[in-house]
Amino acid sequence: MIATATIGVLALQGDFREHCVSLERLGVTAVEIRSSASLDAIDALIVPGGESTSMAKLMDAYDLRQSLQEFGRAGRPMWGTCAGLILMATGLVEDRPTPLGLIDIVVQRNGFGRQVDSFETPIDIIGMKGGPFPAIFIRAPRICEVGPSVQIISTLADGSITAIRQGSLMATAFHPELTSDSRMHEYFLESLQRESVL
């Protein structure tokens, strides 16, 4: 089932090409998404890392906001990484950008610090095999609040939340697309397959 899936990657700005490479390493068809019509041809969608304000502006310029909201609210699988996490949240500490309101979380942009505070650390992901995942945090958002329907699947030693799930939606504060380890992409696909979403 995974090999036959077609996964879209929102390709307005940010690390969309790196996500496509990670998916292709798994033998999965990756499609760059820039229009509402192209959402009909995919099984799941990744909203990549990048600059959240720029991505939101482009999302509105391309008239994608409502279609992305409908995609997620219909129970179709979506995964946001870093900026994607910010855009999928229901609330932000800051007053911009306006998020899609899909995952019941409140997020602080750059909550782990600015570019100079970037770091890499091994983290454990609930349900992931093969040991800790090498998580890269670059101007990473911090999840400040989670709703009752949100499952926390990874934290740092200090309790900071790094990855969550809510039904068919998933979000990570780090950049799995910037490593050569494709297990996070495989985890996204397999966990959704177990729920018979794909």
N, C-alpha and C. Protein backbone atom coordinates (compact mmCIF):
# COMPACT_ATOMS: atom_id res chain seq x y z
N MET A 1 0.83 -1.21 0.00
CA MET A 1 0.00 0.00 0.00
C MET A 1 0.86 1.26 0.00
N ILE A 2 1.92 1.28 0.80
CA ILE A 2 2.76 2.47 0.86
C ILE A 2 3.36 2.77 -0.51
N ALA A 3 3.88 1.75 -1.18
CA ALA A 3 4.55 1.96 -2.46
C ALA A 3 3.59 2.49 -3.52
N THR A 4 2.29 2.21 -3.39
CA THR A 4 1.33 2.65 -4.39
C THR A 4 0.71 4.00 -4.04
N ALA A 5 1.04 4.54 -2.88
CA ALA A 5 0.49 5.83 -2.47
C ALA A 5 1.11 6.97 -3.27
N THR A 6 0.34 8.02 -3.46
CA THR A 6 0.84 9.25 -4.06
C THR A 6 0.76 10.34 -3.01
N ILE A 7 1.92 10.87 -2.65
CA ILE A 7 1.99 11.85 -1.57
C ILE A 7 2.30 13.22 -2.15
N GLY A 8 1.46 14.19 -1.83
CA GLY A 8 1.69 15.56 -2.26
C GLY A 8 2.57 16.29 -1.27
N VAL A 9 3.37 17.21 -1.76
CA VAL A 9 4.18 18.09 -0.91
C VAL A 9 3.87 19.52 -1.34
N LEU A 10 3.35 20.31 -0.41
CA LEU A 10 3.03 21.69 -0.74
C LEU A 10 4.31 22.40 -1.18
N ALA A 11 4.32 22.90 -2.40
CA ALA A 11 5.56 23.37 -3.03
C ALA A 11 5.51 24.86 -3.33
N LEU A 12 5.19 25.64 -2.32
CA LEU A 12 5.14 27.10 -2.48
C LEU A 12 6.44 27.76 -2.06
N GLN A 13 7.07 27.20 -1.01
CA GLN A 13 8.30 27.77 -0.46
C GLN A 13 8.84 26.76 0.53
N GLY A 14 10.12 26.80 0.82
CA GLY A 14 10.68 25.93 1.85
C GLY A 14 11.28 24.65 1.31
N ASP A 15 11.29 23.61 2.17
CA ASP A 15 12.04 22.38 1.90
C ASP A 15 11.22 21.31 1.18
N PHE A 16 10.40 21.69 0.21
CA PHE A 16 9.53 20.70 -0.43
C PHE A 16 10.34 19.69 -1.24
N ARG A 17 11.42 20.13 -1.89
CA ARG A 17 12.21 19.18 -2.70
C ARG A 17 12.85 18.10 -1.82
N GLU A 18 13.31 18.49 -0.65
CA GLU A 18 13.94 17.52 0.26
C GLU A 18 12.92 16.47 0.72
N HIS A 19 11.68 16.88 0.94
CA HIS A 19 10.64 15.91 1.29
C HIS A 19 10.41 14.94 0.13
N CYS A 20 10.37 15.46 -1.06
CA CYS A 20 10.17 14.60 -2.24
C CYS A 20 11.27 13.56 -2.35
N VAL A 21 12.51 13.96 -2.10
CA VAL A 21 13.64 13.03 -2.15
C VAL A 21 13.47 11.93 -1.10
N SER A 22 13.07 12.30 0.12
CA SER A 22 12.88 11.31 1.18
C SER A 22 11.78 10.32 0.81
N LEU A 23 10.71 10.80 0.22
CA LEU A 23 9.62 9.91 -0.19
C LEU A 23 10.06 8.99 -1.32
N GLU A 24 10.80 9.53 -2.26
CA GLU A 24 11.26 8.72 -3.38
C GLU A 24 12.23 7.62 -2.94
N ARG A 25 12.99 7.88 -1.86
CA ARG A 25 13.87 6.83 -1.31
C ARG A 25 13.04 5.65 -0.81
N LEU A 26 11.80 5.90 -0.44
CA LEU A 26 10.91 4.84 0.03
C LEU A 26 10.12 4.21 -1.11
N GLY A 27 10.37 4.66 -2.33
CA GLY A 27 9.64 4.12 -3.48
C GLY A 27 8.25 4.68 -3.63
N VAL A 28 8.00 5.84 -3.02
CA VAL A 28 6.68 6.46 -3.04
C VAL A 28 6.66 7.59 -4.07
N THR A 29 5.58 7.71 -4.79
CA THR A 29 5.42 8.79 -5.75
C THR A 29 5.16 10.10 -5.01
N ALA A 30 5.99 11.11 -5.27
CA ALA A 30 5.84 12.42 -4.65
C ALA A 30 5.44 13.44 -5.71
N VAL A 31 4.46 14.26 -5.39
CA VAL A 31 3.94 15.25 -6.32
C VAL A 31 4.01 16.63 -5.68
N GLU A 32 4.59 17.60 -6.37
CA GLU A 32 4.63 18.97 -5.87
C GLU A 32 3.27 19.62 -6.07
N ILE A 33 2.71 20.18 -4.99
CA ILE A 33 1.37 20.74 -5.01
C ILE A 33 1.42 22.26 -5.01
N ARG A 34 0.78 22.86 -6.03
CA ARG A 34 0.72 24.33 -6.12
C ARG A 34 -0.69 24.82 -6.47
N SER A 35 -1.64 23.90 -6.56
CA SER A 35 -3.01 24.31 -6.91
C SER A 35 -4.02 23.43 -6.17
N SER A 36 -5.22 23.96 -6.00
CA SER A 36 -6.27 23.21 -5.33
C SER A 36 -6.65 21.96 -6.12
N ALA A 37 -6.68 22.07 -7.42
CA ALA A 37 -7.09 20.95 -8.26
C ALA A 37 -6.18 19.74 -8.08
N SER A 38 -4.88 19.98 -7.86
CA SER A 38 -3.93 18.87 -7.74
C SER A 38 -4.10 18.09 -6.44
N LEU A 39 -4.83 18.64 -5.48
CA LEU A 39 -5.07 17.91 -4.22
C LEU A 39 -5.94 16.68 -4.44
N ASP A 40 -6.74 16.68 -5.48
CA ASP A 40 -7.63 15.54 -5.73
C ASP A 40 -6.88 14.28 -6.13
N ALA A 41 -5.65 14.43 -6.61
CA ALA A 41 -4.90 13.30 -7.15
C ALA A 41 -3.95 12.66 -6.15
N ILE A 42 -3.97 13.11 -4.88
CA ILE A 42 -3.02 12.59 -3.90
C ILE A 42 -3.72 11.88 -2.75
N ASP A 43 -2.96 11.01 -2.07
CA ASP A 43 -3.49 10.26 -0.93
C ASP A 43 -3.21 10.96 0.40
N ALA A 44 -2.17 11.76 0.45
CA ALA A 44 -1.78 12.45 1.68
C ALA A 44 -0.97 13.67 1.29
N LEU A 45 -0.80 14.60 2.26
CA LEU A 45 -0.11 15.85 1.96
C LEU A 45 0.88 16.19 3.05
N ILE A 46 2.06 16.66 2.64
CA ILE A 46 3.07 17.17 3.57
C ILE A 46 3.18 18.68 3.38
N VAL A 47 3.12 19.41 4.50
CA VAL A 47 3.35 20.86 4.49
C VAL A 47 4.75 21.06 5.06
N PRO A 48 5.71 21.48 4.25
CA PRO A 48 7.12 21.43 4.64
C PRO A 48 7.57 22.56 5.56
N GLY A 49 8.83 22.46 5.99
CA GLY A 49 9.47 23.54 6.70
C GLY A 49 9.81 24.66 5.74
N GLY A 50 9.96 25.85 6.30
CA GLY A 50 10.27 27.03 5.50
C GLY A 50 10.01 28.27 6.33
N GLU A 51 9.52 29.31 5.72
CA GLU A 51 9.20 30.54 6.42
C GLU A 51 7.68 30.67 6.44
N SER A 52 7.11 30.54 7.63
CA SER A 52 5.65 30.38 7.74
C SER A 52 4.87 31.58 7.22
N THR A 53 5.37 32.79 7.44
CA THR A 53 4.65 33.97 6.95
C THR A 53 4.63 34.01 5.43
N SER A 54 5.77 33.73 4.81
CA SER A 54 5.84 33.70 3.35
C SER A 54 4.96 32.60 2.79
N MET A 55 4.98 31.43 3.43
CA MET A 55 4.16 30.32 2.95
C MET A 55 2.68 30.65 3.04
N ALA A 56 2.27 31.31 4.13
CA ALA A 56 0.86 31.68 4.29
C ALA A 56 0.43 32.69 3.22
N LYS A 57 1.29 33.66 2.94
CA LYS A 57 0.97 34.65 1.91
C LYS A 57 0.83 33.99 0.54
N LEU A 58 1.73 33.07 0.23
CA LEU A 58 1.66 32.37 -1.06
C LEU A 58 0.44 31.45 -1.12
N MET A 59 0.13 30.81 0.00
CA MET A 59 -1.04 29.95 0.09
C MET A 59 -2.30 30.74 -0.26
N ASP A 60 -2.39 31.97 0.25
CA ASP A 60 -3.55 32.81 -0.05
C ASP A 60 -3.49 33.34 -1.47
N ALA A 61 -2.29 33.68 -1.94
CA ALA A 61 -2.14 34.18 -3.31
C ALA A 61 -2.55 33.12 -4.34
N TYR A 62 -2.26 31.85 -4.02
CA TYR A 62 -2.61 30.75 -4.90
C TYR A 62 -4.03 30.21 -4.62
N ASP A 63 -4.75 30.88 -3.72
CA ASP A 63 -6.13 30.51 -3.38
C ASP A 63 -6.22 29.05 -2.91
N LEU A 64 -5.28 28.69 -2.03
CA LEU A 64 -5.20 27.31 -1.54
C LEU A 64 -5.76 27.13 -0.13
N ARG A 65 -5.97 28.21 0.61
CA ARG A 65 -6.30 28.08 2.03
C ARG A 65 -7.53 27.21 2.27
N GLN A 66 -8.63 27.53 1.63
CA GLN A 66 -9.87 26.78 1.88
C GLN A 66 -9.71 25.32 1.46
N SER A 67 -9.05 25.07 0.36
CA SER A 67 -8.87 23.68 -0.11
C SER A 67 -8.02 22.88 0.87
N LEU A 68 -6.98 23.49 1.44
CA LEU A 68 -6.14 22.80 2.42
C LEU A 68 -6.93 22.52 3.69
N GLN A 69 -7.76 23.46 4.11
CA GLN A 69 -8.60 23.25 5.29
C GLN A 69 -9.58 22.11 5.05
N GLU A 70 -10.19 22.09 3.90
CA GLU A 70 -11.14 21.02 3.57
C GLU A 70 -10.44 19.67 3.50
N PHE A 71 -9.22 19.65 2.96
CA PHE A 71 -8.43 18.42 2.87
C PHE A 71 -8.20 17.83 4.26
N GLY A 72 -7.72 18.66 5.19
CA GLY A 72 -7.45 18.18 6.55
C GLY A 72 -8.69 17.85 7.34
N ARG A 73 -9.73 18.65 7.22
CA ARG A 73 -10.96 18.43 7.98
C ARG A 73 -11.75 17.23 7.49
N ALA A 74 -11.47 16.82 6.27
CA ALA A 74 -12.14 15.63 5.71
C ALA A 74 -11.49 14.33 6.19
N GLY A 75 -10.45 14.45 7.02
CA GLY A 75 -9.77 13.26 7.53
C GLY A 75 -8.71 12.74 6.60
N ARG A 76 -8.33 13.53 5.63
CA ARG A 76 -7.27 13.10 4.72
C ARG A 76 -5.93 13.39 5.39
N PRO A 77 -4.97 12.50 5.25
CA PRO A 77 -3.70 12.60 5.99
C PRO A 77 -2.88 13.83 5.63
N MET A 78 -2.44 14.55 6.64
CA MET A 78 -1.56 15.70 6.46
C MET A 78 -0.47 15.66 7.52
N TRP A 79 0.72 16.11 7.15
CA TRP A 79 1.84 16.19 8.08
C TRP A 79 2.54 17.52 7.87
N GLY A 80 2.66 18.28 8.94
CA GLY A 80 3.36 19.55 8.88
C GLY A 80 4.68 19.48 9.61
N THR A 81 5.76 19.95 8.97
CA THR A 81 7.08 19.97 9.60
C THR A 81 7.52 21.41 9.80
N CYS A 82 7.87 21.77 11.01
CA CYS A 82 8.36 23.10 11.37
C CYS A 82 7.35 24.18 10.95
N ALA A 83 7.59 24.90 9.87
CA ALA A 83 6.63 25.90 9.43
C ALA A 83 5.27 25.27 9.14
N GLY A 84 5.29 24.03 8.66
CA GLY A 84 4.04 23.31 8.42
C GLY A 84 3.25 23.09 9.70
N LEU A 85 3.95 22.83 10.80
CA LEU A 85 3.31 22.71 12.11
C LEU A 85 2.63 24.03 12.47
N ILE A 86 3.32 25.15 12.27
CA ILE A 86 2.76 26.47 12.57
C ILE A 86 1.48 26.68 11.77
N LEU A 87 1.52 26.37 10.49
CA LEU A 87 0.37 26.62 9.62
C LEU A 87 -0.81 25.70 9.93
N MET A 88 -0.56 24.52 10.45
CA MET A 88 -1.66 23.59 10.76
C MET A 88 -2.28 23.81 12.13
N ALA A 89 -1.68 24.65 12.95
CA ALA A 89 -2.18 24.90 14.31
C ALA A 89 -3.51 25.64 14.31
N THR A 90 -4.20 25.57 15.48
CA THR A 90 -5.42 26.37 15.64
C THR A 90 -5.12 27.75 16.19
N GLY A 91 -3.97 27.88 16.89
CA GLY A 91 -3.64 29.18 17.46
C GLY A 91 -2.15 29.41 17.55
N LEU A 92 -1.75 30.68 17.47
CA LEU A 92 -0.35 31.06 17.61
C LEU A 92 -0.21 32.07 18.74
N VAL A 93 0.95 32.07 19.38
CA VAL A 93 1.26 33.08 20.38
C VAL A 93 1.33 34.45 19.70
N GLU A 94 1.89 34.50 18.50
CA GLU A 94 2.03 35.74 17.74
C GLU A 94 0.74 36.04 16.97
N ASP A 95 0.67 37.22 16.38
CA ASP A 95 -0.54 37.60 15.64
C ASP A 95 -0.46 37.29 14.15
N ARG A 96 0.60 36.65 13.70
CA ARG A 96 0.71 36.27 12.30
C ARG A 96 1.64 35.07 12.17
N PRO A 97 1.51 34.28 11.13
CA PRO A 97 0.46 34.34 10.11
C PRO A 97 -0.85 33.74 10.63
N THR A 98 -1.90 33.84 9.85
CA THR A 98 -3.16 33.19 10.22
C THR A 98 -3.07 31.72 9.87
N PRO A 99 -3.14 30.81 10.87
CA PRO A 99 -2.99 29.38 10.59
C PRO A 99 -4.26 28.77 9.99
N LEU A 100 -4.15 27.51 9.59
CA LEU A 100 -5.27 26.81 8.97
C LEU A 100 -6.29 26.32 9.98
N GLY A 101 -5.90 26.20 11.25
CA GLY A 101 -6.85 25.78 12.27
C GLY A 101 -7.21 24.30 12.22
N LEU A 102 -6.24 23.45 11.94
CA LEU A 102 -6.52 22.01 11.78
C LEU A 102 -6.19 21.18 13.02
N ILE A 103 -5.09 21.48 13.69
CA ILE A 103 -4.67 20.70 14.85
C ILE A 103 -4.85 21.54 16.11
N ASP A 104 -5.42 20.94 17.15
CA ASP A 104 -5.78 21.66 18.37
C ASP A 104 -4.54 21.93 19.24
N ILE A 105 -3.70 22.84 18.75
CA ILE A 105 -2.49 23.23 19.46
C ILE A 105 -2.29 24.74 19.36
N VAL A 106 -1.58 25.29 20.36
CA VAL A 106 -1.13 26.68 20.30
C VAL A 106 0.39 26.66 20.19
N VAL A 107 0.91 27.42 19.24
CA VAL A 107 2.33 27.33 18.88
C VAL A 107 3.00 28.70 18.99
N GLN A 108 4.25 28.68 19.44
CA GLN A 108 5.08 29.88 19.45
C GLN A 108 6.12 29.75 18.34
N ARG A 109 6.10 30.69 17.40
CA ARG A 109 7.11 30.68 16.33
C ARG A 109 8.50 30.91 16.93
N ASN A 110 9.49 30.24 16.35
CA ASN A 110 10.88 30.36 16.83
C ASN A 110 10.99 30.10 18.34
N GLY A 111 10.13 29.24 18.84
CA GLY A 111 10.09 28.98 20.28
C GLY A 111 11.35 28.33 20.84
N PHE A 112 12.13 27.67 19.98
CA PHE A 112 13.40 27.07 20.40
C PHE A 112 14.59 27.99 20.12
N GLY A 113 14.31 29.22 19.68
CA GLY A 113 15.38 30.17 19.41
C GLY A 113 15.52 30.48 17.93
N ARG A 114 16.41 31.40 17.64
CA ARG A 114 16.64 31.85 16.28
C ARG A 114 17.64 30.94 15.56
N GLN A 115 18.05 31.35 14.38
CA GLN A 115 18.94 30.54 13.54
C GLN A 115 20.20 30.11 14.29
N VAL A 116 20.78 31.01 15.07
CA VAL A 116 22.02 30.68 15.78
C VAL A 116 21.81 29.66 16.88
N ASP A 117 20.56 29.43 17.26
CA ASP A 117 20.25 28.46 18.30
C ASP A 117 19.89 27.09 17.73
N SER A 118 20.06 26.91 16.44
CA SER A 118 19.73 25.63 15.80
C SER A 118 20.55 24.50 16.40
N PHE A 119 19.95 23.31 16.46
CA PHE A 119 20.65 22.17 17.04
C PHE A 119 20.09 20.86 16.48
N GLU A 120 20.87 19.80 16.66
CA GLU A 120 20.44 18.45 16.30
C GLU A 120 20.54 17.58 17.53
N THR A 121 19.53 16.75 17.75
CA THR A 121 19.53 15.87 18.92
C THR A 121 18.74 14.60 18.62
N PRO A 122 19.17 13.45 19.16
CA PRO A 122 18.39 12.22 18.96
C PRO A 122 17.13 12.25 19.82
N ILE A 123 16.00 11.90 19.24
CA ILE A 123 14.75 11.84 19.99
C ILE A 123 14.05 10.51 19.75
N ASP A 124 13.31 10.06 20.73
CA ASP A 124 12.51 8.85 20.60
C ASP A 124 11.11 9.22 20.12
N ILE A 125 10.61 8.47 19.15
CA ILE A 125 9.27 8.65 18.62
C ILE A 125 8.45 7.42 19.00
N ILE A 126 7.33 7.61 19.67
CA ILE A 126 6.49 6.48 20.06
C ILE A 126 6.09 5.69 18.82
N GLY A 127 6.39 4.40 18.83
CA GLY A 127 6.02 3.52 17.72
C GLY A 127 7.04 3.43 16.60
N MET A 128 8.13 4.19 16.69
CA MET A 128 9.16 4.12 15.64
C MET A 128 10.25 3.14 16.02
N LYS A 129 10.58 2.25 15.11
CA LYS A 129 11.63 1.27 15.33
C LYS A 129 12.99 1.82 14.89
N GLY A 130 14.05 1.17 15.35
CA GLY A 130 15.38 1.52 14.88
C GLY A 130 16.13 2.50 15.74
N GLY A 131 15.62 2.81 16.93
CA GLY A 131 16.33 3.71 17.83
C GLY A 131 15.94 5.16 17.62
N PRO A 132 16.61 6.06 18.35
CA PRO A 132 16.28 7.48 18.27
C PRO A 132 16.44 8.05 16.86
N PHE A 133 15.64 9.06 16.59
CA PHE A 133 15.68 9.73 15.29
C PHE A 133 16.52 11.00 15.40
N PRO A 134 17.39 11.29 14.42
CA PRO A 134 18.24 12.48 14.46
C PRO A 134 17.45 13.73 14.07
N ALA A 135 16.91 14.42 15.06
CA ALA A 135 16.02 15.56 14.80
C ALA A 135 16.81 16.86 14.69
N ILE A 136 16.55 17.60 13.61
CA ILE A 136 17.21 18.87 13.36
C ILE A 136 16.22 20.01 13.63
N PHE A 137 16.60 20.89 14.54
CA PHE A 137 15.75 22.02 14.92
C PHE A 137 16.37 23.31 14.40
N ILE A 138 15.66 23.99 13.49
CA ILE A 138 16.14 25.25 12.92
C ILE A 138 15.02 26.28 13.06
N ARG A 139 15.24 27.29 13.92
CA ARG A 139 14.19 28.27 14.20
C ARG A 139 12.87 27.55 14.47
N ALA A 140 12.94 26.52 15.28
CA ALA A 140 11.83 25.60 15.44
C ALA A 140 10.70 26.20 16.29
N PRO A 141 9.46 25.88 15.93
CA PRO A 141 8.33 26.32 16.74
C PRO A 141 8.18 25.48 18.00
N ARG A 142 7.65 26.10 19.03
CA ARG A 142 7.41 25.40 20.30
C ARG A 142 5.90 25.22 20.50
N ILE A 143 5.47 24.00 20.77
CA ILE A 143 4.07 23.72 21.05
C ILE A 143 3.80 24.07 22.52
N CYS A 144 2.99 25.09 22.74
CA CYS A 144 2.75 25.59 24.10
C CYS A 144 1.53 24.94 24.77
N GLU A 145 0.53 24.59 23.97
CA GLU A 145 -0.69 23.99 24.51
C GLU A 145 -1.17 22.92 23.54
N VAL A 146 -1.73 21.84 24.09
CA VAL A 146 -2.34 20.80 23.25
C VAL A 146 -3.76 20.53 23.75
N GLY A 147 -4.65 20.27 22.81
CA GLY A 147 -6.02 19.94 23.15
C GLY A 147 -6.17 18.48 23.54
N PRO A 148 -7.34 18.09 24.03
CA PRO A 148 -7.54 16.72 24.52
C PRO A 148 -7.47 15.64 23.45
N SER A 149 -7.65 16.02 22.19
CA SER A 149 -7.62 15.02 21.11
C SER A 149 -6.22 14.84 20.53
N VAL A 150 -5.25 15.58 21.04
CA VAL A 150 -3.89 15.54 20.50
C VAL A 150 -3.04 14.52 21.25
N GLN A 151 -2.38 13.64 20.52
CA GLN A 151 -1.48 12.65 21.11
C GLN A 151 -0.04 13.14 20.95
N ILE A 152 0.67 13.23 22.07
CA ILE A 152 2.08 13.61 22.04
C ILE A 152 2.90 12.35 21.75
N ILE A 153 3.69 12.37 20.68
CA ILE A 153 4.45 11.17 20.32
C ILE A 153 5.95 11.34 20.51
N SER A 154 6.40 12.56 20.87
CA SER A 154 7.82 12.75 21.13
C SER A 154 8.04 14.02 21.93
N THR A 155 8.99 13.95 22.87
CA THR A 155 9.38 15.13 23.64
C THR A 155 10.89 15.13 23.83
N LEU A 156 11.42 16.30 24.15
CA LEU A 156 12.81 16.39 24.57
C LEU A 156 12.91 16.02 26.05
N ALA A 157 14.13 15.91 26.55
CA ALA A 157 14.34 15.54 27.95
C ALA A 157 13.69 16.53 28.91
N ASP A 158 13.58 17.80 28.50
CA ASP A 158 12.98 18.81 29.38
C ASP A 158 11.46 18.87 29.27
N GLY A 159 10.89 17.96 28.51
CA GLY A 159 9.44 17.90 28.36
C GLY A 159 8.89 18.68 27.19
N SER A 160 9.74 19.40 26.46
CA SER A 160 9.28 20.15 25.30
C SER A 160 8.72 19.18 24.25
N ILE A 161 7.56 19.49 23.73
CA ILE A 161 6.89 18.61 22.77
C ILE A 161 7.51 18.82 21.39
N THR A 162 7.87 17.72 20.75
CA THR A 162 8.51 17.81 19.43
C THR A 162 7.71 17.18 18.30
N ALA A 163 6.73 16.32 18.63
CA ALA A 163 5.92 15.70 17.59
C ALA A 163 4.57 15.30 18.17
N ILE A 164 3.53 15.49 17.37
CA ILE A 164 2.16 15.17 17.83
C ILE A 164 1.35 14.56 16.69
N ARG A 165 0.25 13.92 17.10
CA ARG A 165 -0.73 13.40 16.14
C ARG A 165 -2.12 13.77 16.61
N GLN A 166 -3.00 13.99 15.67
CA GLN A 166 -4.42 14.19 15.96
C GLN A 166 -5.20 13.53 14.84
N GLY A 167 -5.65 12.31 15.09
CA GLY A 167 -6.32 11.58 14.04
C GLY A 167 -5.39 11.34 12.86
N SER A 168 -5.80 11.77 11.68
CA SER A 168 -4.99 11.58 10.47
C SER A 168 -3.99 12.71 10.25
N LEU A 169 -3.90 13.63 11.21
CA LEU A 169 -2.98 14.75 11.10
C LEU A 169 -1.77 14.53 11.98
N MET A 170 -0.59 14.94 11.51
CA MET A 170 0.65 14.80 12.27
C MET A 170 1.47 16.07 12.08
N ALA A 171 2.25 16.41 13.10
CA ALA A 171 3.12 17.58 12.99
C ALA A 171 4.37 17.37 13.81
N THR A 172 5.49 17.88 13.29
CA THR A 172 6.77 17.79 13.98
C THR A 172 7.42 19.18 14.00
N ALA A 173 8.06 19.50 15.12
CA ALA A 173 8.73 20.80 15.25
C ALA A 173 10.08 20.82 14.55
N PHE A 174 10.56 19.66 14.15
CA PHE A 174 11.89 19.54 13.54
C PHE A 174 11.79 19.26 12.05
N HIS A 175 12.95 19.14 11.40
CA HIS A 175 13.07 18.98 9.95
C HIS A 175 13.57 17.58 9.59
N PRO A 176 12.71 16.58 9.51
CA PRO A 176 13.18 15.24 9.12
C PRO A 176 13.65 15.17 7.67
N GLU A 177 13.21 16.11 6.85
CA GLU A 177 13.59 16.11 5.44
C GLU A 177 15.05 16.49 5.21
N LEU A 178 15.70 17.03 6.25
CA LEU A 178 17.09 17.46 6.10
C LEU A 178 18.09 16.40 6.53
N THR A 179 17.61 15.21 6.87
CA THR A 179 18.50 14.10 7.21
C THR A 179 18.43 13.04 6.11
N SER A 180 19.37 12.11 6.14
CA SER A 180 19.33 10.99 5.20
C SER A 180 18.49 9.84 5.75
N ASP A 181 17.90 10.03 6.93
CA ASP A 181 17.08 9.02 7.60
C ASP A 181 15.63 9.24 7.19
N SER A 182 15.06 8.29 6.46
CA SER A 182 13.69 8.42 5.95
C SER A 182 12.65 7.81 6.88
N ARG A 183 13.08 7.41 8.09
CA ARG A 183 12.13 6.70 8.96
C ARG A 183 10.92 7.55 9.37
N MET A 184 11.09 8.86 9.48
CA MET A 184 9.95 9.69 9.87
C MET A 184 8.90 9.72 8.76
N HIS A 185 9.36 9.75 7.52
CA HIS A 185 8.42 9.68 6.40
C HIS A 185 7.74 8.31 6.35
N GLU A 186 8.52 7.28 6.60
CA GLU A 186 7.96 5.93 6.63
C GLU A 186 6.96 5.79 7.77
N TYR A 187 7.27 6.39 8.90
CA TYR A 187 6.38 6.38 10.06
C TYR A 187 5.04 7.04 9.72
N PHE A 188 5.10 8.18 9.06
CA PHE A 188 3.88 8.87 8.64
C PHE A 188 3.02 7.98 7.77
N LEU A 189 3.62 7.35 6.79
CA LEU A 189 2.88 6.50 5.87
C LEU A 189 2.34 5.25 6.55
N GLU A 190 3.18 4.60 7.35
CA GLU A 190 2.77 3.33 7.97
C GLU A 190 1.72 3.53 9.04
N SER A 191 1.84 4.59 9.83
CA SER A 191 0.86 4.82 10.88
C SER A 191 -0.51 5.10 10.28
N LEU A 192 -0.53 5.82 9.18
CA LEU A 192 -1.80 6.09 8.52
C LEU A 192 -2.35 4.85 7.85
N GLN A 193 -1.46 4.03 7.33
CA GLN A 193 -1.89 2.77 6.72
C GLN A 193 -2.53 1.86 7.76
N ARG A 194 -1.97 1.82 8.98
CA ARG A 194 -2.56 0.99 10.04
C ARG A 194 -3.97 1.43 10.38
N GLU A 195 -4.24 2.73 10.21
CA GLU A 195 -5.58 3.24 10.49
C GLU A 195 -6.49 3.14 9.26
N SER A 196 -5.95 2.53 8.18
CA SER A 196 -6.68 2.35 6.92
C SER A 196 -7.12 3.68 6.33
N VAL A 197 -6.26 4.69 6.50
CA VAL A 197 -6.55 5.99 5.91
C VAL A 197 -6.13 6.00 4.45
N LEU A 198 -4.95 5.40 4.18
CA LEU A 198 -4.50 5.33 2.78
C LEU A 198 -5.14 4.14 2.09
